Amino acid sequence: EALDHCNQVFQLAHVLCLVELEDQLTALTAASGITNKTSLARCHVELANYFAAAFLMPYETFLQTAENTAYDIDRISARFAVSY
């Protein structure tokens, strides 16, 4: 409730990754050599953030939009309904 729409959508994508792709996150972090549980959890959070951004802003579409708008952050944010 405290988040605006853009951040709610991002958080939903973030949680989707944590819930649905847990095995992939575990596989990625297992190969990292990190053994500290707190550090592993942090890696999962950051990977889920990366997933959410990639999910909401697919690279090719994002790049094309960035180039077409002369990298106008406000227009890019509006196009993908994300916050800066």
PDB file of N, CA and C in Angstrom:
ATOM      1  N   GLU A   1       0.810  -1.195   0.000  1.00  0.00           N
ATOM      2  CA  GLU A   1       0.000   0.000   0.000  1.00  0.00           C
ATOM      3  C   GLU A   1       0.852   1.257   0.000  1.00  0.00           C
ATOM      4  N   ALA A   2       1.995   1.199   0.639  1.00  0.00           N
ATOM      5  CA  ALA A   2       2.840   2.379   0.735  1.00  0.00           C
ATOM      6  C   ALA A   2       3.594   2.662  -0.558  1.00  0.00           C
ATOM      7  N   LEU A   3       3.653   1.691  -1.442  1.00  0.00           N
ATOM      8  CA  LEU A   3       4.395   1.866  -2.693  1.00  0.00           C
ATOM      9  C   LEU A   3       3.486   2.389  -3.800  1.00  0.00           C
ATOM     10  N   ASP A   4       4.069   3.194  -4.692  1.00  0.00           N
ATOM     11  CA  ASP A   4       3.305   3.621  -5.857  1.00  0.00           C
ATOM     12  C   ASP A   4       3.207   2.445  -6.834  1.00  0.00           C
ATOM     13  N   HIS A   5       2.421   2.625  -7.885  1.00  0.00           N
ATOM     14  CA  HIS A   5       2.152   1.528  -8.823  1.00  0.00           C
ATOM     15  C   HIS A   5       3.439   0.945  -9.418  1.00  0.00           C
ATOM     16  N   CYS A   6       4.334   1.805  -9.857  1.00  0.00           N
ATOM     17  CA  CYS A   6       5.585   1.330 -10.477  1.00  0.00           C
ATOM     18  C   CYS A   6       6.362   0.421  -9.537  1.00  0.00           C
ATOM     19  N   ASN A   7       6.475   0.837  -8.298  1.00  0.00           N
ATOM     20  CA  ASN A   7       7.228   0.043  -7.333  1.00  0.00           C
ATOM     21  C   ASN A   7       6.482  -1.213  -6.898  1.00  0.00           C
ATOM     22  N   GLN A   8       5.164  -1.167  -6.906  1.00  0.00           N
ATOM     23  CA  GLN A   8       4.391  -2.379  -6.622  1.00  0.00           C
ATOM     24  C   GLN A   8       4.635  -3.432  -7.685  1.00  0.00           C
ATOM     25  N   VAL A   9       4.633  -3.032  -8.939  1.00  0.00           N
ATOM     26  CA  VAL A   9       4.856  -3.967 -10.043  1.00  0.00           C
ATOM     27  C   VAL A   9       6.266  -4.540  -9.958  1.00  0.00           C
ATOM     28  N   PHE A  10       7.248  -3.679  -9.681  1.00  0.00           N
ATOM     29  CA  PHE A  10       8.625  -4.153  -9.548  1.00  0.00           C
ATOM     30  C   PHE A  10       8.728  -5.170  -8.410  1.00  0.00           C
ATOM     31  N   GLN A  11       8.119  -4.878  -7.282  1.00  0.00           N
ATOM     32  CA  GLN A  11       8.174  -5.796  -6.147  1.00  0.00           C
ATOM     33  C   GLN A  11       7.483  -7.122  -6.458  1.00  0.00           C
ATOM     34  N   LEU A  12       6.392  -7.070  -7.204  1.00  0.00           N
ATOM     35  CA  LEU A  12       5.724  -8.309  -7.605  1.00  0.00           C
ATOM     36  C   LEU A  12       6.639  -9.159  -8.486  1.00  0.00           C
ATOM     37  N   ALA A  13       7.327  -8.530  -9.422  1.00  0.00           N
ATOM     38  CA  ALA A  13       8.261  -9.265 -10.278  1.00  0.00           C
ATOM     39  C   ALA A  13       9.416  -9.820  -9.448  1.00  0.00           C
ATOM     40  N   HIS A  14       9.879  -9.045  -8.491  1.00  0.00           N
ATOM     41  CA  HIS A  14      10.947  -9.476  -7.584  1.00  0.00           C
ATOM     42  C   HIS A  14      10.521 -10.730  -6.807  1.00  0.00           C
ATOM     43  N   VAL A  15       9.342 -10.684  -6.219  1.00  0.00           N
ATOM     44  CA  VAL A  15       8.834 -11.817  -5.432  1.00  0.00           C
ATOM     45  C   VAL A  15       8.561 -13.013  -6.343  1.00  0.00           C
ATOM     46  N   LEU A  16       8.055 -12.771  -7.530  1.00  0.00           N
ATOM     47  CA  LEU A  16       7.848 -13.843  -8.497  1.00  0.00           C
ATOM     48  C   LEU A  16       9.146 -14.613  -8.707  1.00  0.00           C
ATOM     49  N   CYS A  17      10.234 -13.914  -8.879  1.00  0.00           N
ATOM     50  CA  CYS A  17      11.529 -14.556  -9.058  1.00  0.00           C
ATOM     51  C   CYS A  17      11.911 -15.366  -7.823  1.00  0.00           C
ATOM     52  N   LEU A  18      11.780 -14.777  -6.652  1.00  0.00           N
ATOM     53  CA  LEU A  18      12.165 -15.474  -5.421  1.00  0.00           C
ATOM     54  C   LEU A  18      11.359 -16.748  -5.204  1.00  0.00           C
ATOM     55  N   VAL A  19      10.086 -16.714  -5.574  1.00  0.00           N
ATOM     56  CA  VAL A  19       9.210 -17.858  -5.347  1.00  0.00           C
ATOM     57  C   VAL A  19       9.324 -18.898  -6.468  1.00  0.00           C
ATOM     58  N   GLU A  20       9.245 -18.445  -7.703  1.00  0.00           N
ATOM     59  CA  GLU A  20       9.184 -19.373  -8.830  1.00  0.00           C
ATOM     60  C   GLU A  20      10.549 -19.829  -9.349  1.00  0.00           C
ATOM     61  N   LEU A  21      11.582 -19.059  -9.090  1.00  0.00           N
ATOM     62  CA  LEU A  21      12.898 -19.392  -9.633  1.00  0.00           C
ATOM     63  C   LEU A  21      13.917 -19.682  -8.536  1.00  0.00           C
ATOM     64  N   GLU A  22      13.430 -20.143  -7.397  1.00  0.00           N
ATOM     65  CA  GLU A  22      14.309 -20.410  -6.263  1.00  0.00           C
ATOM     66  C   GLU A  22      15.421 -21.392  -6.620  1.00  0.00           C
ATOM     67  N   ASP A  23      15.095 -22.436  -7.372  1.00  0.00           N
ATOM     68  CA  ASP A  23      16.112 -23.421  -7.751  1.00  0.00           C
ATOM     69  C   ASP A  23      17.208 -22.798  -8.609  1.00  0.00           C
ATOM     70  N   GLN A  24      16.826 -21.929  -9.520  1.00  0.00           N
ATOM     71  CA  GLN A  24      17.817 -21.271 -10.363  1.00  0.00           C
ATOM     72  C   GLN A  24      18.688 -20.321  -9.553  1.00  0.00           C
ATOM     73  N   LEU A  25      18.078 -19.604  -8.619  1.00  0.00           N
ATOM     74  CA  LEU A  25      18.852 -18.710  -7.757  1.00  0.00           C
ATOM     75  C   LEU A  25      19.852 -19.514  -6.931  1.00  0.00           C
ATOM     76  N   THR A  26      19.401 -20.632  -6.402  1.00  0.00           N
ATOM     77  CA  THR A  26      20.277 -21.490  -5.601  1.00  0.00           C
ATOM     78  C   THR A  26      21.418 -22.031  -6.447  1.00  0.00           C
ATOM     79  N   ALA A  27      21.121 -22.442  -7.665  1.00  0.00           N
ATOM     80  CA  ALA A  27      22.163 -22.958  -8.558  1.00  0.00           C
ATOM     81  C   ALA A  27      23.187 -21.871  -8.891  1.00  0.00           C
ATOM     82  N   LEU A  28      22.713 -20.683  -9.159  1.00  0.00           N
ATOM     83  CA  LEU A  28      23.625 -19.581  -9.480  1.00  0.00           C
ATOM     84  C   LEU A  28      24.521 -19.226  -8.301  1.00  0.00           C
ATOM     85  N   THR A  29      23.933 -19.149  -7.129  1.00  0.00           N
ATOM     86  CA  THR A  29      24.737 -18.761  -5.966  1.00  0.00           C
ATOM     87  C   THR A  29      25.608 -19.908  -5.473  1.00  0.00           C
ATOM     88  N   ALA A  30      25.206 -21.149  -5.706  1.00  0.00           N
ATOM     89  CA  ALA A  30      26.034 -22.295  -5.300  1.00  0.00           C
ATOM     90  C   ALA A  30      27.358 -22.269  -6.054  1.00  0.00           C
ATOM     91  N   ALA A  31      27.316 -21.866  -7.293  1.00  0.00           N
ATOM     92  CA  ALA A  31      28.529 -21.812  -8.110  1.00  0.00           C
ATOM     93  C   ALA A  31      29.427 -20.634  -7.738  1.00  0.00           C
ATOM     94  N   SER A  32      28.933 -19.732  -6.901  1.00  0.00           N
ATOM     95  CA  SER A  32      29.687 -18.523  -6.558  1.00  0.00           C
ATOM     96  C   SER A  32      30.787 -18.764  -5.533  1.00  0.00           C
ATOM     97  N   GLY A  33      30.658 -19.841  -4.762  1.00  0.00           N
ATOM     98  CA  GLY A  33      31.624 -20.099  -3.701  1.00  0.00           C
ATOM     99  C   GLY A  33      31.308 -19.368  -2.407  1.00  0.00           C
ATOM    100  N   ILE A  34      30.232 -18.621  -2.372  1.00  0.00           N
ATOM    101  CA  ILE A  34      29.836 -17.905  -1.156  1.00  0.00           C
ATOM    102  C   ILE A  34      29.207 -18.907  -0.193  1.00  0.00           C
ATOM    103  N   THR A  35      29.637 -18.900   1.048  1.00  0.00           N
ATOM    104  CA  THR A  35      29.125 -19.850   2.034  1.00  0.00           C
ATOM    105  C   THR A  35      28.333 -19.189   3.156  1.00  0.00           C
ATOM    106  N   ASN A  36      28.517 -17.913   3.372  1.00  0.00           N
ATOM    107  CA  ASN A  36      27.815 -17.198   4.430  1.00  0.00           C
ATOM    108  C   ASN A  36      26.338 -17.072   4.065  1.00  0.00           C
ATOM    109  N   LYS A  37      25.434 -17.508   4.966  1.00  0.00           N
ATOM    110  CA  LYS A  37      23.992 -17.502   4.670  1.00  0.00           C
ATOM    111  C   LYS A  37      23.456 -16.106   4.389  1.00  0.00           C
ATOM    112  N   THR A  38      23.927 -15.126   5.137  1.00  0.00           N
ATOM    113  CA  THR A  38      23.468 -13.754   4.918  1.00  0.00           C
ATOM    114  C   THR A  38      23.898 -13.260   3.544  1.00  0.00           C
ATOM    115  N   SER A  39      25.111 -13.572   3.169  1.00  0.00           N
ATOM    116  CA  SER A  39      25.617 -13.166   1.853  1.00  0.00           C
ATOM    117  C   SER A  39      24.860 -13.866   0.734  1.00  0.00           C
ATOM    118  N   LEU A  40      24.550 -15.142   0.921  1.00  0.00           N
ATOM    119  CA  LEU A  40      23.770 -15.871  -0.087  1.00  0.00           C
ATOM    120  C   LEU A  40      22.375 -15.276  -0.240  1.00  0.00           C
ATOM    121  N   ALA A  41      21.757 -14.951   0.890  1.00  0.00           N
ATOM    122  CA  ALA A  41      20.426 -14.346   0.846  1.00  0.00           C
ATOM    123  C   ALA A  41      20.482 -13.010   0.116  1.00  0.00           C
ATOM    124  N   ARG A  42      21.534 -12.246   0.383  1.00  0.00           N
ATOM    125  CA  ARG A  42      21.691 -10.947  -0.292  1.00  0.00           C
ATOM    126  C   ARG A  42      21.853 -11.142  -1.798  1.00  0.00           C
ATOM    127  N   CYS A  43      22.620 -12.144  -2.188  1.00  0.00           N
ATOM    128  CA  CYS A  43      22.783 -12.450  -3.615  1.00  0.00           C
ATOM    129  C   CYS A  43      21.441 -12.793  -4.252  1.00  0.00           C
ATOM    130  N   HIS A  44      20.622 -13.564  -3.544  1.00  0.00           N
ATOM    131  CA  HIS A  44      19.297 -13.918  -4.070  1.00  0.00           C
ATOM    132  C   HIS A  44      18.453 -12.660  -4.270  1.00  0.00           C
ATOM    133  N   VAL A  45      18.509 -11.757  -3.308  1.00  0.00           N
ATOM    134  CA  VAL A  45      17.748 -10.504  -3.415  1.00  0.00           C
ATOM    135  C   VAL A  45      18.213  -9.699  -4.624  1.00  0.00           C
ATOM    136  N   GLU A  46      19.514  -9.580  -4.793  1.00  0.00           N
ATOM    137  CA  GLU A  46      20.036  -8.785  -5.911  1.00  0.00           C
ATOM    138  C   GLU A  46      19.747  -9.448  -7.251  1.00  0.00           C
ATOM    139  N   LEU A  47      19.841 -10.770  -7.310  1.00  0.00           N
ATOM    140  CA  LEU A  47      19.488 -11.475  -8.552  1.00  0.00           C
ATOM    141  C   LEU A  47      18.005 -11.321  -8.854  1.00  0.00           C
ATOM    142  N   ALA A  48      17.170 -11.341  -7.825  1.00  0.00           N
ATOM    143  CA  ALA A  48      15.728 -11.135  -8.023  1.00  0.00           C
ATOM    144  C   ALA A  48      15.456  -9.708  -8.506  1.00  0.00           C
ATOM    145  N   ASN A  49      16.214  -8.742  -8.008  1.00  0.00           N
ATOM    146  CA  ASN A  49      16.085  -7.366  -8.501  1.00  0.00           C
ATOM    147  C   ASN A  49      16.469  -7.288  -9.972  1.00  0.00           C
ATOM    148  N   TYR A  50      17.540  -7.960 -10.328  1.00  0.00           N
ATOM    149  CA  TYR A  50      17.985  -7.990 -11.723  1.00  0.00           C
ATOM    150  C   TYR A  50      16.907  -8.626 -12.602  1.00  0.00           C
ATOM    151  N   PHE A  51      16.350  -9.737 -12.123  1.00  0.00           N
ATOM    152  CA  PHE A  51      15.264 -10.397 -12.861  1.00  0.00           C
ATOM    153  C   PHE A  51      14.092  -9.444 -13.063  1.00  0.00           C
ATOM    154  N   ALA A  52      13.683  -8.768 -11.994  1.00  0.00           N
ATOM    155  CA  ALA A  52      12.525  -7.870 -12.076  1.00  0.00           C
ATOM    156  C   ALA A  52      12.771  -6.776 -13.111  1.00  0.00           C
ATOM    157  N   ALA A  53      13.951  -6.201 -13.098  1.00  0.00           N
ATOM    158  CA  ALA A  53      14.265  -5.149 -14.063  1.00  0.00           C
ATOM    159  C   ALA A  53      14.259  -5.706 -15.487  1.00  0.00           C
ATOM    160  N   ALA A  54      14.863  -6.864 -15.679  1.00  0.00           N
ATOM    161  CA  ALA A  54      14.914  -7.466 -17.016  1.00  0.00           C
ATOM    162  C   ALA A  54      13.522  -7.888 -17.486  1.00  0.00           C
ATOM    163  N   PHE A  55      12.709  -8.348 -16.553  1.00  0.00           N
ATOM    164  CA  PHE A  55      11.342  -8.762 -16.875  1.00  0.00           C
ATOM    165  C   PHE A  55      10.502  -7.566 -17.324  1.00  0.00           C
ATOM    166  N   LEU A  56      10.663  -6.446 -16.633  1.00  0.00           N
ATOM    167  CA  LEU A  56       9.864  -5.262 -16.940  1.00  0.00           C
ATOM    168  C   LEU A  56      10.425  -4.446 -18.099  1.00  0.00           C
ATOM    169  N   MET A  57      11.723  -4.592 -18.340  1.00  0.00           N
ATOM    170  CA  MET A  57      12.379  -3.801 -19.386  1.00  0.00           C
ATOM    171  C   MET A  57      13.263  -4.710 -20.233  1.00  0.00           C
ATOM    172  N   PRO A  58      12.670  -5.524 -21.089  1.00  0.00           N
ATOM    173  CA  PRO A  58      13.471  -6.426 -21.923  1.00  0.00           C
ATOM    174  C   PRO A  58      14.541  -5.642 -22.687  1.00  0.00           C
ATOM    175  N   TYR A  59      15.743  -6.200 -22.747  1.00  0.00           N
ATOM    176  CA  TYR A  59      16.899  -5.448 -23.222  1.00  0.00           C
ATOM    177  C   TYR A  59      16.721  -4.836 -24.609  1.00  0.00           C
ATOM    178  N   GLU A  60      16.328  -5.623 -25.586  1.00  0.00           N
ATOM    179  CA  GLU A  60      16.219  -5.091 -26.952  1.00  0.00           C
ATOM    180  C   GLU A  60      15.216  -3.945 -27.024  1.00  0.00           C
ATOM    181  N   THR A  61      14.075  -4.129 -26.409  1.00  0.00           N
ATOM    182  CA  THR A  61      13.043  -3.089 -26.397  1.00  0.00           C
ATOM    183  C   THR A  61      13.531  -1.866 -25.634  1.00  0.00           C
ATOM    184  N   PHE A  62      14.199  -2.111 -24.512  1.00  0.00           N
ATOM    185  CA  PHE A  62      14.733  -1.012 -23.705  1.00  0.00           C
ATOM    186  C   PHE A  62      15.769  -0.217 -24.502  1.00  0.00           C
ATOM    187  N   LEU A  63      16.703  -0.922 -25.138  1.00  0.00           N
ATOM    188  CA  LEU A  63      17.738  -0.247 -25.913  1.00  0.00           C
ATOM    189  C   LEU A  63      17.125   0.573 -27.040  1.00  0.00           C
ATOM    190  N   GLN A  64      16.177  -0.010 -27.751  1.00  0.00           N
ATOM    191  CA  GLN A  64      15.527   0.706 -28.845  1.00  0.00           C
ATOM    192  C   GLN A  64      14.824   1.962 -28.326  1.00  0.00           C
ATOM    193  N   THR A  65      14.124   1.833 -27.215  1.00  0.00           N
ATOM    194  CA  THR A  65      13.446   2.980 -26.623  1.00  0.00           C
ATOM    195  C   THR A  65      14.451   4.035 -26.180  1.00  0.00           C
ATOM    196  N   ALA A  66      15.533   3.602 -25.563  1.00  0.00           N
ATOM    197  CA  ALA A  66      16.565   4.545 -25.119  1.00  0.00           C
ATOM    198  C   ALA A  66      17.140   5.315 -26.302  1.00  0.00           C
ATOM    199  N   GLU A  67      17.461   4.612 -27.358  1.00  0.00           N
ATOM    200  CA  GLU A  67      18.019   5.269 -28.540  1.00  0.00           C
ATOM    201  C   GLU A  67      16.998   6.198 -29.204  1.00  0.00           C
ATOM    202  N   ASN A  68      15.748   5.756 -29.278  1.00  0.00           N
ATOM    203  CA  ASN A  68      14.703   6.568 -29.915  1.00  0.00           C
ATOM    204  C   ASN A  68      14.348   7.818 -29.124  1.00  0.00           C
ATOM    205  N   THR A  69      14.608   7.803 -27.827  1.00  0.00           N
ATOM    206  CA  THR A  69      14.283   8.956 -26.980  1.00  0.00           C
ATOM    207  C   THR A  69      15.525   9.751 -26.590  1.00  0.00           C
ATOM    208  N   ALA A  70      16.647   9.455 -27.233  1.00  0.00           N
ATOM    209  CA  ALA A  70      17.914  10.114 -26.907  1.00  0.00           C
ATOM    210  C   ALA A  70      18.248   9.927 -25.420  1.00  0.00           C
ATOM    211  N   TYR A  71      17.938   8.741 -24.929  1.00  0.00           N
ATOM    212  CA  TYR A  71      18.237   8.357 -23.545  1.00  0.00           C
ATOM    213  C   TYR A  71      17.563   9.271 -22.520  1.00  0.00           C
ATOM    214  N   ASP A  72      16.348   9.698 -22.844  1.00  0.00           N
ATOM    215  CA  ASP A  72      15.559  10.541 -21.946  1.00  0.00           C
ATOM    216  C   ASP A  72      14.988   9.661 -20.829  1.00  0.00           C
ATOM    217  N   ILE A  73      15.547   9.787 -19.649  1.00  0.00           N
ATOM    218  CA  ILE A  73      15.175   8.934 -18.516  1.00  0.00           C
ATOM    219  C   ILE A  73      13.681   9.021 -18.200  1.00  0.00           C
ATOM    220  N   ASP A  74      13.127  10.219 -18.234  1.00  0.00           N
ATOM    221  CA  ASP A  74      11.705  10.371 -17.916  1.00  0.00           C
ATOM    222  C   ASP A  74      10.821   9.646 -18.926  1.00  0.00           C
ATOM    223  N   ARG A  75      11.152   9.743 -20.195  1.00  0.00           N
ATOM    224  CA  ARG A  75      10.358   9.057 -21.224  1.00  0.00           C
ATOM    225  C   ARG A  75      10.540   7.542 -21.137  1.00  0.00           C
ATOM    226  N   ILE A  76      11.749   7.112 -20.873  1.00  0.00           N
ATOM    227  CA  ILE A  76      11.997   5.673 -20.732  1.00  0.00           C
ATOM    228  C   ILE A  76      11.226   5.131 -19.528  1.00  0.00           C
ATOM    229  N   SER A  77      11.284   5.848 -18.420  1.00  0.00           N
ATOM    230  CA  SER A  77      10.542   5.434 -17.219  1.00  0.00           C
ATOM    231  C   SER A  77       9.055   5.332 -17.504  1.00  0.00           C
ATOM    232  N   ALA A  78       8.536   6.321 -18.211  1.00  0.00           N
ATOM    233  CA  ALA A  78       7.103   6.313 -18.542  1.00  0.00           C
ATOM    234  C   ALA A  78       6.772   5.163 -19.479  1.00  0.00           C
ATOM    235  N   ARG A  79       7.621   4.908 -20.466  1.00  0.00           N
ATOM    236  CA  ARG A  79       7.371   3.843 -21.443  1.00  0.00           C
ATOM    237  C   ARG A  79       7.263   2.473 -20.779  1.00  0.00           C
ATOM    238  N   PHE A  80       8.127   2.232 -19.788  1.00  0.00           N
ATOM    239  CA  PHE A  80       8.148   0.921 -19.142  1.00  0.00           C
ATOM    240  C   PHE A  80       7.417   0.906 -17.791  1.00  0.00           C
ATOM    241  N   ALA A  81       6.838   2.037 -17.430  1.00  0.00           N
ATOM    242  CA  ALA A  81       6.102   2.175 -16.158  1.00  0.00           C
ATOM    243  C   ALA A  81       6.962   1.752 -14.970  1.00  0.00           C
ATOM    244  N   VAL A  82       8.176   2.284 -14.948  1.00  0.00           N
ATOM    245  CA  VAL A  82       9.103   2.028 -13.846  1.00  0.00           C
ATOM    246  C   VAL A  82       9.598   3.353 -13.294  1.00  0.00           C
ATOM    247  N   SER A  83      10.123   3.306 -12.091  1.00  0.00           N
ATOM    248  CA  SER A  83      10.707   4.517 -11.526  1.00  0.00           C
ATOM    249  C   SER A  83      12.195   4.549 -11.840  1.00  0.00           C
ATOM    250  N   TYR A  84      12.773   5.709 -11.731  1.00  0.00           N
ATOM    251  CA  TYR A  84      14.195   5.839 -11.997  1.00  0.00           C
ATOM    252  C   TYR A  84      14.956   5.167 -10.895  1.00  0.00           C
TER     253      TYR A  84
END
